Amino acid sequence: MALRKKHKSPSGGLSAAGRKYLNRTTGSNLKPPVSAKQAKKSKKAASRRKSFCARMSGMKKKLTSSKKANDPNSRINKALRKWDC
């Protein structure tokens, strides 16, 4: 499923409209990113963040070219920054 530009956040990941769109169309339950500051307040959020960072860091190593892995404007790097990974 291709997302429109309005569904992508310029700083990485999905916008609130993008999460709402995917939740509605696919029946999933996407939640907003958890920063390190937010993770300190909730153990559940901290474990979610830890899991995301481990999963995405692995994807970055295995599934991206060296050009994309080093590009600060690639979607994967923006998402990792947003989650404070």
C-alpha atoms as a PDB file:
ATOM      1  CA  MET A   1       0.000   0.000   0.000  1.00  0.00           C
ATOM      2  CA  ALA A   2       1.570   3.276  -1.090  1.00  0.00           C
ATOM      3  CA  LEU A   3       1.169   6.211   1.231  1.00  0.00           C
ATOM      4  CA  ARG A   4       0.640   9.743   0.066  1.00  0.00           C
ATOM      5  CA  LYS A   5       3.034  12.491   0.992  1.00  0.00           C
ATOM      6  CA  LYS A   6       0.563  13.913   3.537  1.00  0.00           C
ATOM      7  CA  HIS A   7       0.732  10.618   5.441  1.00  0.00           C
ATOM      8  CA  LYS A   8       4.508  10.808   5.879  1.00  0.00           C
ATOM      9  CA  SER A   9       6.035  13.013   8.522  1.00  0.00           C
ATOM     10  CA  PRO A  10       8.870  15.221   7.224  1.00  0.00           C
ATOM     11  CA  SER A  11      10.899  14.381  10.328  1.00  0.00           C
ATOM     12  CA  GLY A  12      10.486  10.623   9.867  1.00  0.00           C
ATOM     13  CA  GLY A  13       7.820   7.960  10.251  1.00  0.00           C
ATOM     14  CA  LEU A  14       4.131   8.552   9.754  1.00  0.00           C
ATOM     15  CA  SER A  15       2.132  11.642  10.530  1.00  0.00           C
ATOM     16  CA  ALA A  16      -0.932  11.457  12.747  1.00  0.00           C
ATOM     17  CA  ALA A  17      -3.056  11.458   9.585  1.00  0.00           C
ATOM     18  CA  GLY A  18      -0.987   8.576   8.193  1.00  0.00           C
ATOM     19  CA  ARG A  19      -1.434   6.482  11.354  1.00  0.00           C
ATOM     20  CA  LYS A  20      -5.168   7.204  11.326  1.00  0.00           C
ATOM     21  CA  TYR A  21      -5.411   6.262   7.632  1.00  0.00           C
ATOM     22  CA  LEU A  22      -3.573   2.952   8.076  1.00  0.00           C
ATOM     23  CA  ASN A  23      -5.484   2.073  11.237  1.00  0.00           C
ATOM     24  CA  ARG A  24      -8.739   2.662   9.387  1.00  0.00           C
ATOM     25  CA  THR A  25      -7.841   0.854   6.159  1.00  0.00           C
ATOM     26  CA  THR A  26      -5.848  -2.118   7.458  1.00  0.00           C
ATOM     27  CA  GLY A  27      -7.394  -2.570  10.892  1.00  0.00           C
ATOM     28  CA  SER A  28      -4.008  -2.221  12.588  1.00  0.00           C
ATOM     29  CA  ASN A  29      -3.287  -0.231  15.733  1.00  0.00           C
ATOM     30  CA  LEU A  30      -0.313   2.015  14.978  1.00  0.00           C
ATOM     31  CA  LYS A  31       0.889   4.258  17.781  1.00  0.00           C
ATOM     32  CA  PRO A  32       3.102   7.360  17.680  1.00  0.00           C
ATOM     33  CA  PRO A  33       6.865   7.061  18.250  1.00  0.00           C
ATOM     34  CA  VAL A  34       8.288   6.942  21.777  1.00  0.00           C
ATOM     35  CA  SER A  35      11.267   9.172  22.520  1.00  0.00           C
ATOM     36  CA  ALA A  36      13.825   8.443  25.237  1.00  0.00           C
ATOM     37  CA  LYS A  37      12.215  11.126  27.423  1.00  0.00           C
ATOM     38  CA  GLN A  38       8.781   9.498  27.142  1.00  0.00           C
ATOM     39  CA  ALA A  39      10.256   6.041  27.747  1.00  0.00           C
ATOM     40  CA  LYS A  40      11.519   7.122  31.174  1.00  0.00           C
ATOM     41  CA  LYS A  41       7.931   7.725  32.275  1.00  0.00           C
ATOM     42  CA  SER A  42       6.517   4.341  31.278  1.00  0.00           C
ATOM     43  CA  LYS A  43       8.011   0.858  31.420  1.00  0.00           C
ATOM     44  CA  LYS A  44       5.654  -0.325  28.669  1.00  0.00           C
ATOM     45  CA  ALA A  45       6.710   2.536  26.378  1.00  0.00           C
ATOM     46  CA  ALA A  46      10.371   1.859  27.171  1.00  0.00           C
ATOM     47  CA  SER A  47      10.094  -1.775  26.105  1.00  0.00           C
ATOM     48  CA  ARG A  48       8.246  -0.771  22.923  1.00  0.00           C
ATOM     49  CA  ARG A  49      11.015   1.714  22.096  1.00  0.00           C
ATOM     50  CA  LYS A  50      13.745  -0.814  22.830  1.00  0.00           C
ATOM     51  CA  SER A  51      12.085  -3.372  20.556  1.00  0.00           C
ATOM     52  CA  PHE A  52      11.624  -0.861  17.729  1.00  0.00           C
ATOM     53  CA  CYS A  53      15.215   0.367  17.919  1.00  0.00           C
ATOM     54  CA  ALA A  54      16.619  -3.162  17.862  1.00  0.00           C
ATOM     55  CA  ARG A  55      14.403  -4.182  14.929  1.00  0.00           C
ATOM     56  CA  MET A  56      15.040  -1.084  12.827  1.00  0.00           C
ATOM     57  CA  SER A  57      18.777  -0.979  13.521  1.00  0.00           C
ATOM     58  CA  GLY A  58      18.958  -4.550  12.247  1.00  0.00           C
ATOM     59  CA  MET A  59      17.016  -3.580   9.121  1.00  0.00           C
ATOM     60  CA  LYS A  60      19.358  -0.698   8.518  1.00  0.00           C
ATOM     61  CA  LYS A  61      22.384  -3.010   8.621  1.00  0.00           C
ATOM     62  CA  LYS A  62      20.883  -5.813   6.513  1.00  0.00           C
ATOM     63  CA  LEU A  63      18.424  -4.247   4.108  1.00  0.00           C
ATOM     64  CA  THR A  64      19.799  -0.867   3.090  1.00  0.00           C
ATOM     65  CA  SER A  65      22.575   0.064   0.748  1.00  0.00           C
ATOM     66  CA  SER A  66      25.602   1.855   2.155  1.00  0.00           C
ATOM     67  CA  LYS A  67      24.419   5.002   0.375  1.00  0.00           C
ATOM     68  CA  LYS A  68      21.037   4.955   2.163  1.00  0.00           C
ATOM     69  CA  ALA A  69      22.498   3.849   5.482  1.00  0.00           C
ATOM     70  CA  ASN A  70      24.724   6.935   5.560  1.00  0.00           C
ATOM     71  CA  ASP A  71      22.173   9.393   4.144  1.00  0.00           C
ATOM     72  CA  PRO A  72      20.723  11.528   6.978  1.00  0.00           C
ATOM     73  CA  ASN A  73      17.570  12.166   4.927  1.00  0.00           C
ATOM     74  CA  SER A  74      16.691   8.512   4.279  1.00  0.00           C
ATOM     75  CA  ARG A  75      13.374   7.382   5.770  1.00  0.00           C
ATOM     76  CA  ILE A  76      15.033   4.764   7.986  1.00  0.00           C
ATOM     77  CA  ASN A  77      17.484   7.266   9.490  1.00  0.00           C
ATOM     78  CA  LYS A  78      14.726   9.795  10.091  1.00  0.00           C
ATOM     79  CA  ALA A  79      12.643   7.164  11.885  1.00  0.00           C
ATOM     80  CA  LEU A  80      15.590   6.100  14.056  1.00  0.00           C
ATOM     81  CA  ARG A  81      16.250   9.737  14.979  1.00  0.00           C
ATOM     82  CA  LYS A  82      12.608  10.302  15.877  1.00  0.00           C
ATOM     83  CA  TRP A  83      12.698   7.337  18.256  1.00  0.00           C
ATOM     84  CA  ASP A  84      16.077   8.503  19.696  1.00  0.00           C
ATOM     85  CA  CYS A  85      17.766   5.243  18.688  1.00  0.00           C
END
